[in-house]
Amino acid sequence: MRLHVVVRGRVQGVGFRWFVREAARRRDLAGWVRNLADGGVEVLAEGMEAEIVWLRSELARGPDGAAVEEVEEVAVARVDVAKPFAIIR
């Protein structure tokens, strides 16, 4: 299963990318996370359905210091994933 979302709110400067990378690696997911110029954080993850559902709930919560306002689904053509899960720039 694939999850491709943009997380919005106070999600930059609070360790959000590191939080996502560590959560995804704990669940053996492939993919990546990156900051966007508009202040959002983009996440692409692939793995077992139960693990993706769990990750999405973690994204909605975020790390301490984050204030997630929205987790927006992204419709996009095929995009390569990384394994292990990586922070990209």
N, C-alpha and C. Protein backbone atom coordinates (compact mmCIF):
# COMPACT_ATOMS: atom_id res chain seq x y z
N MET A 1 0.85 -1.18 0.00
CA MET A 1 0.00 0.00 0.00
C MET A 1 0.89 1.23 0.00
N ARG A 2 0.38 2.29 -0.62
CA ARG A 2 1.14 3.54 -0.71
C ARG A 2 0.40 4.68 -0.02
N LEU A 3 1.16 5.51 0.67
CA LEU A 3 0.65 6.73 1.29
C LEU A 3 1.48 7.88 0.75
N HIS A 4 0.83 8.89 0.17
CA HIS A 4 1.52 10.08 -0.31
C HIS A 4 0.71 11.27 0.16
N VAL A 5 1.27 12.03 1.12
CA VAL A 5 0.53 13.13 1.75
C VAL A 5 1.43 14.34 1.93
N VAL A 6 0.78 15.48 2.14
CA VAL A 6 1.46 16.69 2.61
C VAL A 6 0.85 17.02 3.96
N VAL A 7 1.71 17.19 4.94
CA VAL A 7 1.28 17.53 6.30
C VAL A 7 1.46 19.03 6.48
N ARG A 8 0.41 19.67 6.96
CA ARG A 8 0.45 21.13 7.12
C ARG A 8 0.20 21.52 8.57
N GLY A 9 0.68 22.69 8.92
CA GLY A 9 0.58 23.21 10.27
C GLY A 9 1.97 23.65 10.70
N ARG A 10 2.24 23.57 12.00
CA ARG A 10 3.60 23.87 12.47
C ARG A 10 4.36 22.55 12.43
N VAL A 11 4.99 22.29 11.27
CA VAL A 11 5.63 21.00 11.04
C VAL A 11 7.09 21.13 10.57
N GLN A 12 7.58 22.34 10.47
CA GLN A 12 9.00 22.54 10.16
C GLN A 12 9.66 23.19 11.36
N GLY A 13 10.90 22.79 11.61
CA GLY A 13 11.64 23.34 12.74
C GLY A 13 11.29 22.67 14.07
N VAL A 14 10.59 21.53 14.01
CA VAL A 14 10.18 20.83 15.24
C VAL A 14 10.60 19.36 15.22
N GLY A 15 11.47 18.97 14.29
CA GLY A 15 11.94 17.59 14.20
C GLY A 15 10.96 16.65 13.52
N PHE A 16 10.06 17.21 12.71
CA PHE A 16 9.03 16.39 12.08
C PHE A 16 9.60 15.36 11.12
N ARG A 17 10.56 15.76 10.29
CA ARG A 17 11.13 14.81 9.33
C ARG A 17 11.83 13.65 10.05
N TRP A 18 12.58 13.95 11.08
CA TRP A 18 13.25 12.92 11.85
C TRP A 18 12.21 11.99 12.49
N PHE A 19 11.16 12.57 13.07
CA PHE A 19 10.06 11.80 13.68
C PHE A 19 9.46 10.83 12.67
N VAL A 20 9.19 11.31 11.45
CA VAL A 20 8.60 10.48 10.41
C VAL A 20 9.58 9.38 9.99
N ARG A 21 10.82 9.75 9.76
CA ARG A 21 11.81 8.75 9.35
C ARG A 21 11.92 7.62 10.37
N GLU A 22 12.02 7.97 11.63
CA GLU A 22 12.18 6.95 12.67
C GLU A 22 10.93 6.09 12.80
N ALA A 23 9.76 6.70 12.72
CA ALA A 23 8.50 5.93 12.79
C ALA A 23 8.41 4.96 11.62
N ALA A 24 8.73 5.42 10.43
CA ALA A 24 8.65 4.57 9.23
C ALA A 24 9.67 3.44 9.28
N ARG A 25 10.87 3.73 9.75
CA ARG A 25 11.89 2.69 9.84
C ARG A 25 11.51 1.62 10.87
N ARG A 26 10.89 2.04 11.98
CA ARG A 26 10.45 1.07 12.99
C ARG A 26 9.45 0.08 12.40
N ARG A 27 8.68 0.52 11.41
CA ARG A 27 7.66 -0.33 10.79
C ARG A 27 8.13 -0.91 9.46
N ASP A 28 9.42 -0.76 9.14
CA ASP A 28 10.04 -1.30 7.93
C ASP A 28 9.36 -0.81 6.65
N LEU A 29 9.00 0.46 6.62
CA LEU A 29 8.40 1.06 5.44
C LEU A 29 9.47 1.63 4.52
N ALA A 30 9.20 1.67 3.25
CA ALA A 30 10.05 2.32 2.26
C ALA A 30 9.48 3.71 2.01
N GLY A 31 10.32 4.64 1.56
CA GLY A 31 9.81 5.95 1.20
C GLY A 31 10.74 7.08 1.60
N TRP A 32 10.16 8.25 1.71
CA TRP A 32 10.95 9.43 2.05
C TRP A 32 10.06 10.53 2.63
N VAL A 33 10.71 11.52 3.23
CA VAL A 33 10.04 12.69 3.79
C VAL A 33 10.89 13.91 3.43
N ARG A 34 10.23 15.03 3.14
CA ARG A 34 10.98 16.25 2.82
C ARG A 34 10.16 17.49 3.17
N ASN A 35 10.88 18.57 3.49
CA ASN A 35 10.25 19.87 3.70
C ASN A 35 9.87 20.47 2.36
N LEU A 36 8.79 21.22 2.35
CA LEU A 36 8.36 21.96 1.17
C LEU A 36 8.57 23.45 1.40
N ALA A 37 8.75 24.20 0.33
CA ALA A 37 8.98 25.65 0.43
C ALA A 37 7.80 26.37 1.06
N ASP A 38 6.60 25.81 0.95
CA ASP A 38 5.41 26.48 1.50
C ASP A 38 5.19 26.20 2.99
N GLY A 39 6.13 25.49 3.63
CA GLY A 39 6.03 25.22 5.07
C GLY A 39 5.46 23.85 5.40
N GLY A 40 5.00 23.12 4.40
CA GLY A 40 4.49 21.78 4.63
C GLY A 40 5.60 20.75 4.61
N VAL A 41 5.24 19.52 4.94
CA VAL A 41 6.15 18.38 4.88
C VAL A 41 5.49 17.31 4.03
N GLU A 42 6.20 16.85 3.00
CA GLU A 42 5.68 15.83 2.10
C GLU A 42 6.22 14.46 2.53
N VAL A 43 5.34 13.46 2.53
CA VAL A 43 5.69 12.11 2.95
C VAL A 43 5.20 11.13 1.89
N LEU A 44 6.09 10.24 1.46
CA LEU A 44 5.73 9.14 0.58
C LEU A 44 6.19 7.86 1.27
N ALA A 45 5.27 6.93 1.50
CA ALA A 45 5.61 5.68 2.19
C ALA A 45 4.91 4.52 1.52
N GLU A 46 5.59 3.37 1.50
CA GLU A 46 5.01 2.14 0.98
C GLU A 46 5.27 1.01 1.96
N GLY A 47 4.28 0.14 2.08
CA GLY A 47 4.44 -1.02 2.95
C GLY A 47 3.12 -1.72 3.14
N MET A 48 3.07 -2.56 4.15
CA MET A 48 1.86 -3.30 4.48
C MET A 48 0.76 -2.33 4.93
N GLU A 49 -0.48 -2.67 4.60
CA GLU A 49 -1.60 -1.77 4.89
C GLU A 49 -1.68 -1.36 6.36
N ALA A 50 -1.54 -2.31 7.26
CA ALA A 50 -1.64 -1.98 8.69
C ALA A 50 -0.57 -0.99 9.11
N GLU A 51 0.62 -1.13 8.55
CA GLU A 51 1.72 -0.21 8.90
C GLU A 51 1.48 1.18 8.33
N ILE A 52 0.93 1.26 7.13
CA ILE A 52 0.62 2.56 6.52
C ILE A 52 -0.48 3.26 7.30
N VAL A 53 -1.50 2.53 7.71
CA VAL A 53 -2.59 3.11 8.53
C VAL A 53 -2.01 3.66 9.83
N TRP A 54 -1.10 2.89 10.45
CA TRP A 54 -0.45 3.34 11.68
C TRP A 54 0.36 4.61 11.44
N LEU A 55 1.15 4.64 10.35
CA LEU A 55 1.96 5.82 10.06
C LEU A 55 1.09 7.05 9.85
N ARG A 56 -0.02 6.89 9.15
CA ARG A 56 -0.90 8.04 8.91
C ARG A 56 -1.40 8.62 10.23
N SER A 57 -1.72 7.76 11.18
CA SER A 57 -2.17 8.25 12.49
C SER A 57 -1.03 8.97 13.22
N GLU A 58 0.20 8.48 13.06
CA GLU A 58 1.35 9.15 13.65
C GLU A 58 1.58 10.52 13.01
N LEU A 59 1.38 10.62 11.70
CA LEU A 59 1.53 11.91 11.01
C LEU A 59 0.53 12.92 11.54
N ALA A 60 -0.68 12.49 11.81
CA ALA A 60 -1.71 13.40 12.33
C ALA A 60 -1.37 13.89 13.73
N ARG A 61 -0.63 13.09 14.48
CA ARG A 61 -0.22 13.46 15.84
C ARG A 61 1.04 14.31 15.81
N GLY A 62 2.07 13.84 15.11
CA GLY A 62 3.35 14.56 15.03
C GLY A 62 4.14 14.47 16.31
N PRO A 63 5.37 15.00 16.29
CA PRO A 63 6.23 14.99 17.48
C PRO A 63 5.83 16.12 18.43
N ASP A 64 6.39 16.08 19.64
CA ASP A 64 6.20 17.20 20.57
C ASP A 64 6.66 18.48 19.90
N GLY A 65 5.92 19.54 20.05
CA GLY A 65 6.27 20.82 19.44
C GLY A 65 5.60 21.06 18.11
N ALA A 66 5.09 20.02 17.48
CA ALA A 66 4.38 20.17 16.20
C ALA A 66 2.90 20.47 16.48
N ALA A 67 2.27 21.10 15.52
CA ALA A 67 0.83 21.34 15.58
C ALA A 67 0.28 21.02 14.19
N VAL A 68 -0.11 19.77 13.99
CA VAL A 68 -0.60 19.32 12.69
C VAL A 68 -2.02 19.83 12.50
N GLU A 69 -2.23 20.54 11.40
CA GLU A 69 -3.56 21.06 11.06
C GLU A 69 -4.25 20.22 10.00
N GLU A 70 -3.45 19.59 9.13
CA GLU A 70 -4.03 18.85 8.01
C GLU A 70 -3.05 17.81 7.49
N VAL A 71 -3.59 16.65 7.11
CA VAL A 71 -2.83 15.63 6.40
C VAL A 71 -3.57 15.44 5.08
N GLU A 72 -3.01 16.03 4.02
CA GLU A 72 -3.67 16.10 2.71
C GLU A 72 -3.13 15.04 1.76
N GLU A 73 -4.02 14.21 1.23
CA GLU A 73 -3.63 13.20 0.25
C GLU A 73 -3.12 13.88 -1.02
N VAL A 74 -2.09 13.31 -1.63
CA VAL A 74 -1.51 13.83 -2.87
C VAL A 74 -1.75 12.80 -3.97
N ALA A 75 -2.32 13.24 -5.06
CA ALA A 75 -2.47 12.38 -6.24
C ALA A 75 -1.31 12.70 -7.17
N VAL A 76 -0.50 11.70 -7.47
CA VAL A 76 0.69 11.93 -8.28
C VAL A 76 1.02 10.66 -9.05
N ALA A 77 1.70 10.83 -10.13
CA ALA A 77 2.17 9.68 -10.92
C ALA A 77 3.20 8.90 -10.11
N ARG A 78 3.60 7.79 -10.63
CA ARG A 78 4.57 6.92 -9.95
C ARG A 78 5.82 7.69 -9.55
N VAL A 79 6.19 7.57 -8.27
CA VAL A 79 7.36 8.23 -7.73
C VAL A 79 8.21 7.16 -7.06
N ASP A 80 9.52 7.22 -7.22
CA ASP A 80 10.40 6.24 -6.60
C ASP A 80 10.42 6.39 -5.09
N VAL A 81 10.58 5.26 -4.41
CA VAL A 81 10.69 5.25 -2.97
C VAL A 81 12.11 4.82 -2.59
N ALA A 82 12.49 5.13 -1.37
CA ALA A 82 13.82 4.76 -0.87
C ALA A 82 13.66 3.76 0.26
N LYS A 83 14.59 2.84 0.35
CA LYS A 83 14.62 1.94 1.49
C LYS A 83 16.06 1.77 1.90
N PRO A 84 16.46 2.05 3.13
CA PRO A 84 15.55 2.40 4.20
C PRO A 84 14.94 3.79 4.00
N PHE A 85 13.86 4.03 4.72
CA PHE A 85 13.14 5.30 4.65
C PHE A 85 14.14 6.44 4.87
N ALA A 86 14.04 7.50 4.08
CA ALA A 86 15.06 8.56 4.10
C ALA A 86 14.46 9.95 4.19
N ILE A 87 15.26 10.86 4.71
CA ILE A 87 14.96 12.29 4.63
C ILE A 87 15.64 12.77 3.36
N ILE A 88 14.88 13.44 2.49
CA ILE A 88 15.48 14.00 1.28
C ILE A 88 15.33 15.51 1.31
N ARG A 89 16.11 16.18 0.50
CA ARG A 89 16.08 17.65 0.50
C ARG A 89 15.58 18.15 -0.83
